[in-house]
Amino acid sequence: MPSQQEIELQAAAFRRLQQHLMQDRTDVQNIDLMNLAGFCRNCLSRWYQEAANERGIEMGKEEARELFYGMSMGDWKKNYQTDATSGQQADFKEAFAKNVGEG
């Protein structure tokens, strides 16, 4: 079992990753993250939700996204998301199936 210090360091690293994705690099699109790394901001918010649910904390997808993004998904899309190219969409379909599953 990890020590309290290790848990705190892991939490700090997660917060820094969140800051990097949500403040420092808003120009990086989720679709590019998914296509290149196999995860994106939505994955991170889903993992957050799953961790909460595993601990008996009721949390839905939209609530988890809002907590991770610091705003509603609609606001994020309006402020930062650009239209995906057909190539990005094709790559995403493959990356999503490989990293998340078919459905």
N, C-alpha and C. Protein backbone atom coordinates (compact mmCIF):
# COMPACT_ATOMS: atom_id res chain seq x y z
N MET A 1 0.85 -1.18 0.00
CA MET A 1 0.00 0.00 0.00
C MET A 1 0.89 1.24 0.00
N PRO A 2 0.55 2.20 -0.83
CA PRO A 2 1.37 3.42 -0.89
C PRO A 2 1.30 4.21 0.42
N SER A 3 2.39 4.88 0.73
CA SER A 3 2.41 5.73 1.92
C SER A 3 1.60 6.99 1.67
N GLN A 4 1.26 7.69 2.72
CA GLN A 4 0.53 8.95 2.60
C GLN A 4 1.33 9.95 1.75
N GLN A 5 2.64 9.97 1.93
CA GLN A 5 3.48 10.87 1.14
C GLN A 5 3.40 10.53 -0.34
N GLU A 6 3.45 9.25 -0.68
CA GLU A 6 3.35 8.84 -2.08
C GLU A 6 2.00 9.23 -2.67
N ILE A 7 0.94 9.04 -1.90
CA ILE A 7 -0.40 9.43 -2.36
C ILE A 7 -0.45 10.94 -2.62
N GLU A 8 0.13 11.72 -1.73
CA GLU A 8 0.14 13.18 -1.90
C GLU A 8 0.94 13.60 -3.12
N LEU A 9 2.06 12.93 -3.36
CA LEU A 9 2.87 13.24 -4.54
C LEU A 9 2.13 12.87 -5.83
N GLN A 10 1.47 11.72 -5.81
CA GLN A 10 0.68 11.31 -6.97
C GLN A 10 -0.44 12.32 -7.24
N ALA A 11 -1.10 12.76 -6.18
CA ALA A 11 -2.17 13.74 -6.32
C ALA A 11 -1.63 15.06 -6.86
N ALA A 12 -0.46 15.48 -6.40
CA ALA A 12 0.15 16.72 -6.89
C ALA A 12 0.51 16.59 -8.37
N ALA A 13 1.03 15.43 -8.76
CA ALA A 13 1.37 15.21 -10.17
C ALA A 13 0.10 15.23 -11.03
N PHE A 14 -0.98 14.64 -10.55
CA PHE A 14 -2.24 14.66 -11.27
C PHE A 14 -2.75 16.09 -11.42
N ARG A 15 -2.70 16.87 -10.34
CA ARG A 15 -3.16 18.26 -10.41
C ARG A 15 -2.34 19.05 -11.42
N ARG A 16 -1.03 18.78 -11.49
CA ARG A 16 -0.18 19.48 -12.44
C ARG A 16 -0.50 19.07 -13.87
N LEU A 17 -0.79 17.79 -14.09
CA LEU A 17 -1.22 17.33 -15.42
C LEU A 17 -2.53 18.01 -15.80
N GLN A 18 -3.44 18.07 -14.85
CA GLN A 18 -4.72 18.73 -15.10
C GLN A 18 -4.51 20.20 -15.46
N GLN A 19 -3.66 20.89 -14.72
CA GLN A 19 -3.37 22.29 -15.02
C GLN A 19 -2.76 22.43 -16.41
N HIS A 20 -1.85 21.55 -16.74
CA HIS A 20 -1.19 21.60 -18.04
C HIS A 20 -2.21 21.46 -19.17
N LEU A 21 -3.12 20.51 -19.03
CA LEU A 21 -4.11 20.28 -20.08
C LEU A 21 -5.22 21.32 -20.10
N MET A 22 -5.58 21.85 -18.93
CA MET A 22 -6.74 22.73 -18.85
C MET A 22 -6.39 24.21 -18.92
N GLN A 23 -5.13 24.57 -18.63
CA GLN A 23 -4.75 25.97 -18.64
C GLN A 23 -3.59 26.26 -19.58
N ASP A 24 -2.55 25.43 -19.50
CA ASP A 24 -1.34 25.72 -20.26
C ASP A 24 -1.47 25.34 -21.74
N ARG A 25 -2.18 24.26 -22.03
CA ARG A 25 -2.24 23.75 -23.41
C ARG A 25 -3.68 23.50 -23.86
N THR A 26 -4.50 24.52 -23.73
CA THR A 26 -5.88 24.41 -24.21
C THR A 26 -5.94 24.27 -25.73
N ASP A 27 -4.83 24.58 -26.40
CA ASP A 27 -4.78 24.46 -27.85
C ASP A 27 -4.70 23.00 -28.32
N VAL A 28 -4.27 22.11 -27.44
CA VAL A 28 -4.16 20.70 -27.79
C VAL A 28 -5.56 20.09 -27.73
N GLN A 29 -6.00 19.55 -28.83
CA GLN A 29 -7.34 19.00 -28.93
C GLN A 29 -7.42 17.60 -28.32
N ASN A 30 -8.57 17.28 -27.73
CA ASN A 30 -8.78 15.94 -27.18
C ASN A 30 -8.56 14.86 -28.24
N ILE A 31 -9.01 15.12 -29.44
CA ILE A 31 -8.89 14.11 -30.49
C ILE A 31 -7.41 13.82 -30.79
N ASP A 32 -6.57 14.84 -30.73
CA ASP A 32 -5.14 14.63 -30.96
C ASP A 32 -4.51 13.85 -29.80
N LEU A 33 -4.92 14.17 -28.57
CA LEU A 33 -4.43 13.42 -27.42
C LEU A 33 -4.81 11.95 -27.55
N MET A 34 -6.05 11.69 -27.89
CA MET A 34 -6.53 10.32 -28.01
C MET A 34 -5.80 9.59 -29.13
N ASN A 35 -5.64 10.26 -30.26
CA ASN A 35 -4.99 9.62 -31.40
C ASN A 35 -3.52 9.32 -31.14
N LEU A 36 -2.85 10.19 -30.41
CA LEU A 36 -1.42 10.00 -30.17
C LEU A 36 -1.10 9.25 -28.89
N ALA A 37 -1.86 9.50 -27.83
CA ALA A 37 -1.51 8.94 -26.53
C ALA A 37 -2.47 7.85 -26.04
N GLY A 38 -3.63 7.76 -26.67
CA GLY A 38 -4.59 6.75 -26.25
C GLY A 38 -5.46 7.18 -25.08
N PHE A 39 -5.39 8.44 -24.70
CA PHE A 39 -6.27 9.00 -23.67
C PHE A 39 -6.41 10.49 -23.91
N CYS A 40 -7.45 11.07 -23.32
CA CYS A 40 -7.68 12.51 -23.46
C CYS A 40 -8.27 13.05 -22.17
N ARG A 41 -8.68 14.28 -22.18
CA ARG A 41 -9.27 14.90 -21.00
C ARG A 41 -10.52 14.14 -20.55
N ASN A 42 -11.32 13.69 -21.51
CA ASN A 42 -12.53 12.95 -21.16
C ASN A 42 -12.18 11.64 -20.46
N CYS A 43 -11.12 10.99 -20.90
CA CYS A 43 -10.67 9.76 -20.23
C CYS A 43 -10.29 10.06 -18.79
N LEU A 44 -9.54 11.13 -18.59
CA LEU A 44 -9.13 11.49 -17.23
C LEU A 44 -10.34 11.78 -16.35
N SER A 45 -11.34 12.46 -16.90
CA SER A 45 -12.54 12.73 -16.10
C SER A 45 -13.31 11.43 -15.84
N ARG A 46 -13.32 10.50 -16.80
CA ARG A 46 -13.98 9.21 -16.59
C ARG A 46 -13.25 8.40 -15.52
N TRP A 47 -11.92 8.42 -15.53
CA TRP A 47 -11.15 7.70 -14.51
C TRP A 47 -11.42 8.30 -13.13
N TYR A 48 -11.58 9.60 -13.07
CA TYR A 48 -11.93 10.29 -11.83
C TYR A 48 -13.28 9.80 -11.33
N GLN A 49 -14.25 9.74 -12.25
CA GLN A 49 -15.59 9.26 -11.93
C GLN A 49 -15.55 7.82 -11.45
N GLU A 50 -14.82 6.97 -12.16
CA GLU A 50 -14.72 5.57 -11.78
C GLU A 50 -14.10 5.41 -10.39
N ALA A 51 -13.07 6.19 -10.09
CA ALA A 51 -12.44 6.14 -8.77
C ALA A 51 -13.44 6.55 -7.69
N ALA A 52 -14.22 7.57 -7.96
CA ALA A 52 -15.23 8.00 -6.99
C ALA A 52 -16.27 6.90 -6.79
N ASN A 53 -16.79 6.36 -7.88
CA ASN A 53 -17.81 5.32 -7.79
C ASN A 53 -17.30 4.09 -7.06
N GLU A 54 -16.04 3.71 -7.29
CA GLU A 54 -15.45 2.56 -6.60
C GLU A 54 -15.37 2.77 -5.09
N ARG A 55 -15.35 4.03 -4.69
CA ARG A 55 -15.27 4.36 -3.26
C ARG A 55 -16.63 4.71 -2.67
N GLY A 56 -17.68 4.40 -3.43
CA GLY A 56 -19.03 4.64 -2.95
C GLY A 56 -19.51 6.06 -3.08
N ILE A 57 -18.80 6.88 -3.83
CA ILE A 57 -19.20 8.27 -4.07
C ILE A 57 -19.96 8.31 -5.38
N GLU A 58 -21.22 8.70 -5.32
CA GLU A 58 -22.04 8.75 -6.52
C GLU A 58 -21.63 9.96 -7.35
N MET A 59 -21.23 9.70 -8.58
CA MET A 59 -20.81 10.77 -9.48
C MET A 59 -21.11 10.33 -10.90
N GLY A 60 -21.78 11.19 -11.63
CA GLY A 60 -22.09 10.91 -13.02
C GLY A 60 -21.04 11.47 -13.96
N LYS A 61 -21.17 11.11 -15.22
CA LYS A 61 -20.20 11.52 -16.25
C LYS A 61 -20.09 13.04 -16.37
N GLU A 62 -21.22 13.72 -16.42
CA GLU A 62 -21.19 15.18 -16.60
C GLU A 62 -20.60 15.87 -15.38
N GLU A 63 -20.93 15.38 -14.19
CA GLU A 63 -20.37 15.97 -12.97
C GLU A 63 -18.86 15.80 -12.94
N ALA A 64 -18.39 14.61 -13.30
CA ALA A 64 -16.95 14.35 -13.32
C ALA A 64 -16.25 15.24 -14.34
N ARG A 65 -16.87 15.38 -15.51
CA ARG A 65 -16.27 16.25 -16.53
C ARG A 65 -16.19 17.69 -16.05
N GLU A 66 -17.25 18.16 -15.43
CA GLU A 66 -17.25 19.55 -14.95
C GLU A 66 -16.19 19.75 -13.86
N LEU A 67 -16.03 18.76 -12.99
CA LEU A 67 -15.00 18.86 -11.96
C LEU A 67 -13.61 18.88 -12.59
N PHE A 68 -13.38 18.02 -13.59
CA PHE A 68 -12.06 17.97 -14.21
C PHE A 68 -11.80 19.20 -15.07
N TYR A 69 -12.77 19.56 -15.91
CA TYR A 69 -12.60 20.68 -16.83
C TYR A 69 -12.67 22.04 -16.13
N GLY A 70 -13.35 22.08 -15.00
CA GLY A 70 -13.53 23.36 -14.31
C GLY A 70 -14.61 24.21 -14.96
N MET A 71 -15.38 23.60 -15.82
CA MET A 71 -16.47 24.26 -16.54
C MET A 71 -17.32 23.18 -17.18
N SER A 72 -18.45 23.56 -17.73
CA SER A 72 -19.28 22.57 -18.41
C SER A 72 -18.59 22.14 -19.71
N MET A 73 -18.95 20.96 -20.17
CA MET A 73 -18.40 20.46 -21.43
C MET A 73 -18.78 21.41 -22.58
N GLY A 74 -19.99 21.93 -22.53
CA GLY A 74 -20.42 22.88 -23.55
C GLY A 74 -19.56 24.13 -23.59
N ASP A 75 -19.21 24.64 -22.42
CA ASP A 75 -18.34 25.82 -22.36
C ASP A 75 -16.95 25.50 -22.88
N TRP A 76 -16.41 24.32 -22.51
CA TRP A 76 -15.10 23.93 -23.01
C TRP A 76 -15.11 23.88 -24.54
N LYS A 77 -16.10 23.21 -25.09
CA LYS A 77 -16.17 23.07 -26.55
C LYS A 77 -16.28 24.43 -27.22
N LYS A 78 -17.12 25.29 -26.67
CA LYS A 78 -17.31 26.62 -27.24
C LYS A 78 -16.01 27.43 -27.21
N ASN A 79 -15.26 27.33 -26.13
CA ASN A 79 -14.06 28.14 -25.94
C ASN A 79 -12.81 27.57 -26.59
N TYR A 80 -12.70 26.23 -26.68
CA TYR A 80 -11.42 25.64 -27.05
C TYR A 80 -11.45 24.58 -28.15
N GLN A 81 -12.56 23.93 -28.36
CA GLN A 81 -12.57 22.82 -29.31
C GLN A 81 -12.73 23.32 -30.73
N THR A 82 -11.95 22.74 -31.62
CA THR A 82 -12.05 23.04 -33.05
C THR A 82 -12.64 21.83 -33.77
N ASP A 83 -13.08 22.05 -34.99
CA ASP A 83 -13.63 20.94 -35.78
C ASP A 83 -12.52 19.97 -36.15
N ALA A 84 -12.83 18.70 -36.05
CA ALA A 84 -11.87 17.66 -36.41
C ALA A 84 -11.88 17.42 -37.91
N THR A 85 -10.71 17.15 -38.44
CA THR A 85 -10.61 16.81 -39.86
C THR A 85 -11.08 15.37 -40.06
N SER A 86 -11.33 15.01 -41.31
CA SER A 86 -11.74 13.63 -41.59
C SER A 86 -10.63 12.65 -41.21
N GLY A 87 -9.37 13.05 -41.38
CA GLY A 87 -8.25 12.20 -40.99
C GLY A 87 -8.19 12.00 -39.49
N GLN A 88 -8.42 13.07 -38.73
CA GLN A 88 -8.44 12.96 -37.27
C GLN A 88 -9.58 12.04 -36.82
N GLN A 89 -10.73 12.18 -37.47
CA GLN A 89 -11.88 11.35 -37.11
C GLN A 89 -11.63 9.88 -37.40
N ALA A 90 -10.99 9.58 -38.51
CA ALA A 90 -10.66 8.19 -38.85
C ALA A 90 -9.67 7.61 -37.85
N ASP A 91 -8.64 8.39 -37.52
CA ASP A 91 -7.65 7.95 -36.54
C ASP A 91 -8.29 7.75 -35.17
N PHE A 92 -9.24 8.64 -34.83
CA PHE A 92 -9.91 8.56 -33.55
C PHE A 92 -10.72 7.27 -33.44
N LYS A 93 -11.41 6.91 -34.49
CA LYS A 93 -12.23 5.69 -34.47
C LYS A 93 -11.35 4.49 -34.11
N GLU A 94 -10.18 4.42 -34.71
CA GLU A 94 -9.24 3.33 -34.43
C GLU A 94 -8.68 3.43 -33.00
N ALA A 95 -8.27 4.64 -32.59
CA ALA A 95 -7.70 4.83 -31.25
C ALA A 95 -8.73 4.54 -30.17
N PHE A 96 -9.95 4.96 -30.39
CA PHE A 96 -11.01 4.75 -29.40
C PHE A 96 -11.26 3.26 -29.22
N ALA A 97 -11.37 2.55 -30.33
CA ALA A 97 -11.61 1.09 -30.26
C ALA A 97 -10.46 0.39 -29.54
N LYS A 98 -9.25 0.81 -29.82
CA LYS A 98 -8.08 0.16 -29.21
C LYS A 98 -7.94 0.49 -27.73
N ASN A 99 -8.21 1.73 -27.35
CA ASN A 99 -7.91 2.17 -25.99
C ASN A 99 -9.11 2.21 -25.05
N VAL A 100 -10.30 2.36 -25.60
CA VAL A 100 -11.48 2.46 -24.75
C VAL A 100 -12.40 1.26 -24.96
N GLY A 101 -12.54 0.82 -26.17
CA GLY A 101 -13.42 -0.29 -26.49
C GLY A 101 -14.40 0.11 -27.56
N GLU A 102 -15.08 -0.85 -28.05
CA GLU A 102 -16.01 -0.62 -29.16
C GLU A 102 -17.23 0.20 -28.73
N GLY A 103 -17.60 0.17 -27.51
CA GLY A 103 -18.80 0.91 -27.14
C GLY A 103 -18.83 1.19 -25.73
